[in-house]
């Protein structure tokens, strides 16, 4: 019917059907990891010590933790509203690039730097997938 616009809920169902099981699994697992690391950044003495080793302030540590928690929610919200997932995944990609650069600057080994590289690649992939959905 000309001029008829499909209901938003119907559009959201179409988006969910286009998401593969691999994408959904990777996204949810990634969101859980960042949620865990976000809370660890705020509360764990080990993470407090790590951020000091990185040369970062308490404010930067707390901001990183809060951004990780918010980004986890953004990834999950992206299952319904892809542009939010796109922004969260792109943010995590940038965050992990910065984390990798910090680790290189403090002379960490490749093994110590590997998580930042892996999460950068995962979130880069999620960013591309969200962009395709958007």
N, C-alpha and C. Protein backbone atom coordinates (compact mmCIF):
# COMPACT_ATOMS: atom_id res chain seq x y z
N UNK A 1 0.84 -1.16 0.00
CA UNK A 1 0.00 0.00 0.00
C UNK A 1 0.90 1.25 0.00
N UNK A 2 0.72 2.17 -0.95
CA UNK A 2 1.56 3.36 -1.04
C UNK A 2 1.46 4.21 0.24
N UNK A 3 2.60 4.74 0.68
CA UNK A 3 2.62 5.60 1.85
C UNK A 3 2.53 4.86 3.18
N UNK A 4 2.42 3.53 3.14
CA UNK A 4 2.31 2.75 4.38
C UNK A 4 3.71 2.48 4.92
N UNK A 5 3.91 2.81 6.17
CA UNK A 5 5.20 2.57 6.82
C UNK A 5 5.05 1.41 7.79
N UNK A 6 5.97 0.42 7.69
CA UNK A 6 5.92 -0.71 8.59
C UNK A 6 6.19 -0.26 10.02
N UNK A 7 5.57 -0.93 10.95
CA UNK A 7 5.74 -0.63 12.36
C UNK A 7 7.19 -0.89 12.79
N UNK A 8 7.71 -0.04 13.70
CA UNK A 8 9.10 -0.17 14.16
C UNK A 8 9.39 -1.53 14.77
N UNK A 9 8.45 -2.08 15.52
CA UNK A 9 8.66 -3.40 16.15
C UNK A 9 8.87 -4.45 15.06
N UNK A 10 8.13 -4.34 13.97
CA UNK A 10 8.30 -5.27 12.86
C UNK A 10 9.68 -5.12 12.24
N UNK A 11 10.14 -3.88 12.09
CA UNK A 11 11.48 -3.63 11.56
C UNK A 11 12.53 -4.25 12.48
N UNK A 12 12.35 -4.12 13.80
CA UNK A 12 13.29 -4.70 14.76
C UNK A 12 13.34 -6.21 14.63
N UNK A 13 12.20 -6.84 14.38
CA UNK A 13 12.17 -8.29 14.18
C UNK A 13 12.97 -8.67 12.94
N UNK A 14 12.85 -7.88 11.90
CA UNK A 14 13.60 -8.15 10.67
C UNK A 14 15.09 -8.06 10.96
N UNK A 15 15.50 -7.05 11.73
CA UNK A 15 16.92 -6.89 12.08
C UNK A 15 17.40 -8.11 12.85
N UNK A 16 16.64 -8.55 13.85
CA UNK A 16 17.05 -9.70 14.65
C UNK A 16 17.19 -10.96 13.80
N UNK A 17 16.34 -11.13 12.82
CA UNK A 17 16.41 -12.32 11.97
C UNK A 17 17.64 -12.31 11.09
N UNK A 18 18.19 -11.12 10.79
CA UNK A 18 19.38 -11.02 9.94
C UNK A 18 20.68 -11.26 10.71
N UNK A 19 20.59 -11.25 12.03
CA UNK A 19 21.79 -11.47 12.84
C UNK A 19 22.08 -12.96 12.92
N UNK A 20 23.30 -13.33 12.59
CA UNK A 20 23.66 -14.75 12.66
C UNK A 20 23.90 -15.16 14.10
N UNK A 21 23.85 -16.45 14.34
CA UNK A 21 24.11 -16.98 15.68
C UNK A 21 25.54 -16.65 16.10
N UNK A 22 26.48 -16.69 15.17
CA UNK A 22 27.88 -16.36 15.47
C UNK A 22 28.00 -14.91 15.92
N UNK A 23 27.34 -14.03 15.21
CA UNK A 23 27.36 -12.61 15.57
C UNK A 23 26.75 -12.40 16.95
N UNK A 24 25.60 -12.99 17.19
CA UNK A 24 24.93 -12.82 18.48
C UNK A 24 25.78 -13.39 19.62
N UNK A 25 26.35 -14.56 19.41
CA UNK A 25 27.19 -15.18 20.44
C UNK A 25 28.41 -14.31 20.72
N UNK A 26 29.09 -13.88 19.65
CA UNK A 26 30.27 -13.04 19.82
C UNK A 26 29.96 -11.73 20.50
N UNK A 27 28.85 -11.13 20.13
CA UNK A 27 28.44 -9.87 20.72
C UNK A 27 28.15 -10.03 22.21
N UNK A 28 27.36 -11.03 22.56
CA UNK A 28 26.99 -11.23 23.97
C UNK A 28 28.21 -11.58 24.81
N UNK A 29 29.07 -12.45 24.30
CA UNK A 29 30.28 -12.81 25.04
C UNK A 29 31.18 -11.58 25.22
N UNK A 30 31.34 -10.81 24.17
CA UNK A 30 32.14 -9.59 24.22
C UNK A 30 31.56 -8.61 25.25
N UNK A 31 30.24 -8.43 25.23
CA UNK A 31 29.59 -7.52 26.18
C UNK A 31 29.82 -8.00 27.61
N UNK A 32 29.75 -9.31 27.84
CA UNK A 32 29.97 -9.84 29.19
C UNK A 32 31.41 -9.62 29.64
N UNK A 33 32.37 -9.83 28.74
CA UNK A 33 33.78 -9.58 29.08
C UNK A 33 34.00 -8.12 29.47
N UNK A 34 33.47 -7.21 28.67
CA UNK A 34 33.69 -5.80 28.97
C UNK A 34 32.92 -5.36 30.23
N UNK A 35 31.77 -5.95 30.48
CA UNK A 35 31.05 -5.67 31.72
C UNK A 35 31.89 -6.10 32.91
N UNK A 36 32.46 -7.31 32.83
CA UNK A 36 33.32 -7.83 33.89
C UNK A 36 34.55 -6.93 34.09
N UNK A 37 35.24 -6.61 32.99
CA UNK A 37 36.43 -5.77 33.08
C UNK A 37 36.08 -4.36 33.58
N UNK A 38 34.91 -3.86 33.20
CA UNK A 38 34.48 -2.54 33.68
C UNK A 38 34.35 -2.51 35.19
N UNK A 39 33.67 -3.52 35.74
CA UNK A 39 33.53 -3.59 37.19
C UNK A 39 34.87 -3.85 37.86
N UNK A 40 35.71 -4.67 37.23
CA UNK A 40 37.05 -4.91 37.77
C UNK A 40 37.86 -3.60 37.81
N UNK A 41 37.74 -2.79 36.77
CA UNK A 41 38.48 -1.53 36.72
C UNK A 41 38.06 -0.60 37.85
N UNK A 42 36.81 -0.68 38.25
CA UNK A 42 36.32 0.19 39.32
C UNK A 42 36.66 -0.34 40.71
N UNK A 43 36.76 -1.67 40.86
CA UNK A 43 36.81 -2.26 42.21
C UNK A 43 38.03 -3.09 42.55
N UNK A 44 38.73 -3.61 41.58
CA UNK A 44 39.79 -4.58 41.83
C UNK A 44 41.13 -3.89 42.11
N UNK A 45 41.79 -4.30 43.18
CA UNK A 45 43.12 -3.76 43.49
C UNK A 45 44.12 -4.12 42.39
N UNK A 46 43.97 -5.30 41.81
CA UNK A 46 44.86 -5.70 40.73
C UNK A 46 44.74 -4.72 39.54
N UNK A 47 43.51 -4.34 39.20
CA UNK A 47 43.31 -3.40 38.10
C UNK A 47 43.79 -2.00 38.47
N UNK A 48 43.62 -1.62 39.72
CA UNK A 48 44.13 -0.32 40.18
C UNK A 48 45.65 -0.28 39.99
N UNK A 49 46.31 -1.37 40.37
CA UNK A 49 47.77 -1.46 40.20
C UNK A 49 48.17 -1.46 38.73
N UNK A 50 47.39 -2.16 37.89
CA UNK A 50 47.68 -2.20 36.45
C UNK A 50 47.59 -0.80 35.85
N UNK A 51 46.56 -0.05 36.18
CA UNK A 51 46.41 1.29 35.62
C UNK A 51 47.55 2.19 36.08
N UNK A 52 48.01 2.01 37.31
CA UNK A 52 49.18 2.77 37.77
C UNK A 52 50.40 2.40 36.93
N UNK A 53 50.55 1.10 36.64
CA UNK A 53 51.67 0.64 35.81
C UNK A 53 51.58 1.22 34.41
N UNK A 54 50.36 1.42 33.92
CA UNK A 54 50.16 2.02 32.60
C UNK A 54 50.45 3.51 32.61
N UNK A 55 50.60 4.10 33.81
CA UNK A 55 50.82 5.54 33.91
C UNK A 55 49.54 6.33 33.84
N UNK A 56 48.42 5.70 34.19
CA UNK A 56 47.12 6.36 34.11
C UNK A 56 46.64 6.75 35.51
N UNK A 57 45.83 7.80 35.57
CA UNK A 57 45.33 8.30 36.84
C UNK A 57 44.11 7.51 37.29
N UNK A 58 43.71 7.72 38.54
CA UNK A 58 42.49 7.09 39.05
C UNK A 58 41.27 7.52 38.25
N UNK A 59 41.24 8.78 37.86
CA UNK A 59 40.11 9.29 37.07
C UNK A 59 40.03 8.57 35.72
N UNK A 60 41.18 8.35 35.09
CA UNK A 60 41.19 7.64 33.82
C UNK A 60 40.75 6.19 33.99
N UNK A 61 41.17 5.57 35.09
CA UNK A 61 40.76 4.19 35.38
C UNK A 61 39.25 4.11 35.58
N UNK A 62 38.71 5.03 36.35
CA UNK A 62 37.26 5.03 36.60
C UNK A 62 36.48 5.32 35.33
N UNK A 63 36.96 6.27 34.54
CA UNK A 63 36.29 6.58 33.27
C UNK A 63 36.32 5.37 32.35
N UNK A 64 37.45 4.69 32.29
CA UNK A 64 37.57 3.48 31.46
C UNK A 64 36.56 2.43 31.91
N UNK A 65 36.48 2.20 33.22
CA UNK A 65 35.53 1.23 33.76
C UNK A 65 34.10 1.59 33.43
N UNK A 66 33.74 2.85 33.60
CA UNK A 66 32.37 3.29 33.30
C UNK A 66 32.06 3.18 31.81
N UNK A 67 33.04 3.52 30.97
CA UNK A 67 32.84 3.39 29.52
C UNK A 67 32.67 1.93 29.11
N UNK A 68 33.40 1.03 29.77
CA UNK A 68 33.26 -0.39 29.47
C UNK A 68 31.88 -0.90 29.86
N UNK A 69 31.40 -0.47 31.01
CA UNK A 69 30.06 -0.88 31.45
C UNK A 69 28.99 -0.32 30.51
N UNK A 70 29.10 0.98 30.18
CA UNK A 70 28.14 1.60 29.27
C UNK A 70 28.21 0.97 27.88
N UNK A 71 29.43 0.71 27.41
CA UNK A 71 29.60 0.10 26.09
C UNK A 71 29.01 -1.30 26.01
N UNK A 72 29.08 -2.04 27.12
CA UNK A 72 28.46 -3.38 27.16
C UNK A 72 26.97 -3.27 26.95
N UNK A 73 26.36 -2.30 27.63
CA UNK A 73 24.93 -2.06 27.42
C UNK A 73 24.64 -1.62 26.00
N UNK A 74 25.53 -0.82 25.43
CA UNK A 74 25.35 -0.37 24.06
C UNK A 74 25.42 -1.51 23.06
N UNK A 75 26.33 -2.45 23.29
CA UNK A 75 26.40 -3.62 22.40
C UNK A 75 25.09 -4.40 22.44
N UNK A 76 24.58 -4.63 23.64
CA UNK A 76 23.34 -5.38 23.78
C UNK A 76 22.16 -4.62 23.20
N UNK A 77 22.13 -3.30 23.40
CA UNK A 77 21.07 -2.48 22.81
C UNK A 77 21.13 -2.53 21.28
N UNK A 78 22.33 -2.75 20.76
CA UNK A 78 22.51 -2.84 19.32
C UNK A 78 21.76 -4.00 18.68
N UNK A 79 21.38 -4.98 19.48
CA UNK A 79 20.57 -6.07 18.95
C UNK A 79 19.20 -5.57 18.50
N UNK A 80 18.75 -4.46 19.09
CA UNK A 80 17.46 -3.88 18.74
C UNK A 80 17.64 -2.62 17.89
N UNK A 81 18.61 -1.79 18.27
CA UNK A 81 18.87 -0.53 17.56
C UNK A 81 20.33 -0.56 17.08
N UNK A 82 20.55 -1.01 15.86
CA UNK A 82 21.92 -1.24 15.37
C UNK A 82 22.87 -0.06 15.48
N UNK A 83 22.39 1.17 15.33
CA UNK A 83 23.31 2.31 15.39
C UNK A 83 23.95 2.43 16.78
N UNK A 84 23.26 2.05 17.83
CA UNK A 84 23.83 2.08 19.17
C UNK A 84 24.92 1.02 19.29
N UNK A 85 24.68 -0.16 18.76
CA UNK A 85 25.69 -1.21 18.74
C UNK A 85 26.90 -0.80 17.92
N UNK A 86 26.65 -0.12 16.81
CA UNK A 86 27.73 0.37 15.95
C UNK A 86 28.63 1.33 16.73
N UNK A 87 28.04 2.27 17.44
CA UNK A 87 28.82 3.24 18.21
C UNK A 87 29.59 2.56 19.34
N UNK A 88 28.94 1.60 20.02
CA UNK A 88 29.60 0.90 21.13
C UNK A 88 30.77 0.07 20.61
N UNK A 89 30.56 -0.68 19.55
CA UNK A 89 31.62 -1.53 19.00
C UNK A 89 32.78 -0.68 18.46
N UNK A 90 32.45 0.42 17.80
CA UNK A 90 33.51 1.32 17.30
C UNK A 90 34.28 1.94 18.46
N UNK A 91 33.57 2.28 19.53
CA UNK A 91 34.22 2.82 20.72
C UNK A 91 35.17 1.81 21.36
N UNK A 92 34.72 0.56 21.44
CA UNK A 92 35.59 -0.48 22.00
C UNK A 92 36.79 -0.75 21.09
N UNK A 93 36.59 -0.68 19.78
CA UNK A 93 37.71 -0.85 18.85
C UNK A 93 38.77 0.22 19.11
N UNK A 94 38.32 1.46 19.23
CA UNK A 94 39.26 2.57 19.51
C UNK A 94 39.91 2.39 20.88
N UNK A 95 39.13 1.99 21.87
CA UNK A 95 39.66 1.79 23.23
C UNK A 95 40.76 0.72 23.22
N UNK A 96 40.53 -0.36 22.49
CA UNK A 96 41.52 -1.44 22.46
C UNK A 96 42.75 -1.06 21.64
N UNK A 97 42.58 -0.20 20.64
CA UNK A 97 43.75 0.32 19.91
C UNK A 97 44.61 1.15 20.86
N UNK A 98 43.98 2.02 21.64
CA UNK A 98 44.72 2.82 22.62
C UNK A 98 45.38 1.91 23.65
N UNK A 99 44.66 0.88 24.11
CA UNK A 99 45.24 -0.06 25.09
C UNK A 99 46.47 -0.75 24.51
N UNK A 100 46.41 -1.13 23.24
CA UNK A 100 47.56 -1.77 22.60
C UNK A 100 48.75 -0.80 22.52
N UNK A 101 48.47 0.44 22.16
CA UNK A 101 49.54 1.45 22.07
C UNK A 101 50.17 1.68 23.45
N UNK A 102 49.33 1.75 24.49
CA UNK A 102 49.85 1.92 25.85
C UNK A 102 50.75 0.76 26.22
N UNK A 103 50.32 -0.45 25.91
CA UNK A 103 51.13 -1.63 26.24
C UNK A 103 52.46 -1.65 25.48
N UNK A 104 52.45 -1.21 24.26
CA UNK A 104 53.69 -1.12 23.49
C UNK A 104 54.61 -0.07 24.12
N UNK A 105 54.03 1.07 24.49
CA UNK A 105 54.82 2.16 25.09
C UNK A 105 55.46 1.78 26.42
N UNK A 106 54.81 0.89 27.19
CA UNK A 106 55.39 0.50 28.48
C UNK A 106 56.20 -0.79 28.34
N UNK A 107 56.41 -1.20 27.08
CA UNK A 107 57.29 -2.34 26.77
C UNK A 107 56.74 -3.68 27.25
N UNK A 108 55.41 -3.84 27.23
CA UNK A 108 54.83 -5.15 27.52
C UNK A 108 55.14 -6.12 26.39
N UNK A 109 55.13 -7.39 26.70
CA UNK A 109 55.40 -8.42 25.70
C UNK A 109 54.20 -8.57 24.76
N UNK A 110 54.41 -9.29 23.69
CA UNK A 110 53.33 -9.58 22.74
C UNK A 110 52.22 -10.35 23.45
N UNK A 111 52.60 -11.30 24.30
CA UNK A 111 51.60 -12.10 25.05
C UNK A 111 50.76 -11.19 25.94
N UNK A 112 51.39 -10.25 26.62
CA UNK A 112 50.66 -9.32 27.48
C UNK A 112 49.76 -8.40 26.67
N UNK A 113 50.16 -8.10 25.44
CA UNK A 113 49.39 -7.20 24.58
C UNK A 113 48.31 -7.92 23.79
N UNK A 114 48.38 -9.23 23.74
CA UNK A 114 47.46 -10.01 22.90
C UNK A 114 45.97 -9.77 23.19
N UNK A 115 45.53 -9.67 24.45
CA UNK A 115 44.09 -9.42 24.67
C UNK A 115 43.60 -8.14 24.00
N UNK A 116 44.40 -7.08 24.04
CA UNK A 116 43.96 -5.84 23.40
C UNK A 116 43.85 -6.00 21.89
N UNK A 117 44.77 -6.76 21.30
CA UNK A 117 44.71 -7.01 19.86
C UNK A 117 43.47 -7.84 19.50
N UNK A 118 43.24 -8.90 20.27
CA UNK A 118 42.10 -9.78 20.01
C UNK A 118 40.79 -9.02 20.14
N UNK A 119 40.64 -8.26 21.24
CA UNK A 119 39.39 -7.51 21.43
C UNK A 119 39.24 -6.39 20.41
N UNK A 120 40.35 -5.82 19.94
CA UNK A 120 40.27 -4.81 18.89
C UNK A 120 39.73 -5.45 17.60
N UNK A 121 40.22 -6.64 17.27
CA UNK A 121 39.75 -7.33 16.07
C UNK A 121 38.29 -7.75 16.18
N UNK A 122 37.91 -8.29 17.33
CA UNK A 122 36.52 -8.70 17.54
C UNK A 122 35.59 -7.51 17.40
N UNK A 123 35.94 -6.41 18.06
CA UNK A 123 35.08 -5.23 18.00
C UNK A 123 35.11 -4.56 16.64
N UNK A 124 36.22 -4.67 15.93
CA UNK A 124 36.26 -4.18 14.55
C UNK A 124 35.28 -4.96 13.68
N UNK A 125 35.26 -6.29 13.87
CA UNK A 125 34.32 -7.13 13.14
C UNK A 125 32.87 -6.77 13.50
N UNK A 126 32.59 -6.59 14.80
CA UNK A 126 31.24 -6.21 15.22
C UNK A 126 30.85 -4.86 14.63
N UNK A 127 31.81 -3.93 14.57
CA UNK A 127 31.54 -2.61 13.99
C UNK A 127 31.10 -2.75 12.54
N UNK A 128 31.82 -3.55 11.77
CA UNK A 128 31.47 -3.75 10.36
C UNK A 128 30.10 -4.39 10.24
N UNK A 129 29.83 -5.40 11.05
CA UNK A 129 28.52 -6.08 11.00
C UNK A 129 27.38 -5.13 11.36
N UNK A 130 27.59 -4.30 12.39
CA UNK A 130 26.57 -3.33 12.75
C UNK A 130 26.37 -2.29 11.64
N UNK A 131 27.47 -1.90 11.01
CA UNK A 131 27.36 -0.93 9.91
C UNK A 131 26.52 -1.50 8.78
N UNK A 132 26.71 -2.77 8.49
CA UNK A 132 25.93 -3.43 7.43
C UNK A 132 24.44 -3.45 7.81
N UNK A 133 24.15 -3.70 9.09
CA UNK A 133 22.75 -3.72 9.55
C UNK A 133 22.13 -2.33 9.51
N UNK A 134 22.92 -1.32 9.79
CA UNK A 134 22.43 0.03 9.90
C UNK A 134 22.12 0.55 8.53
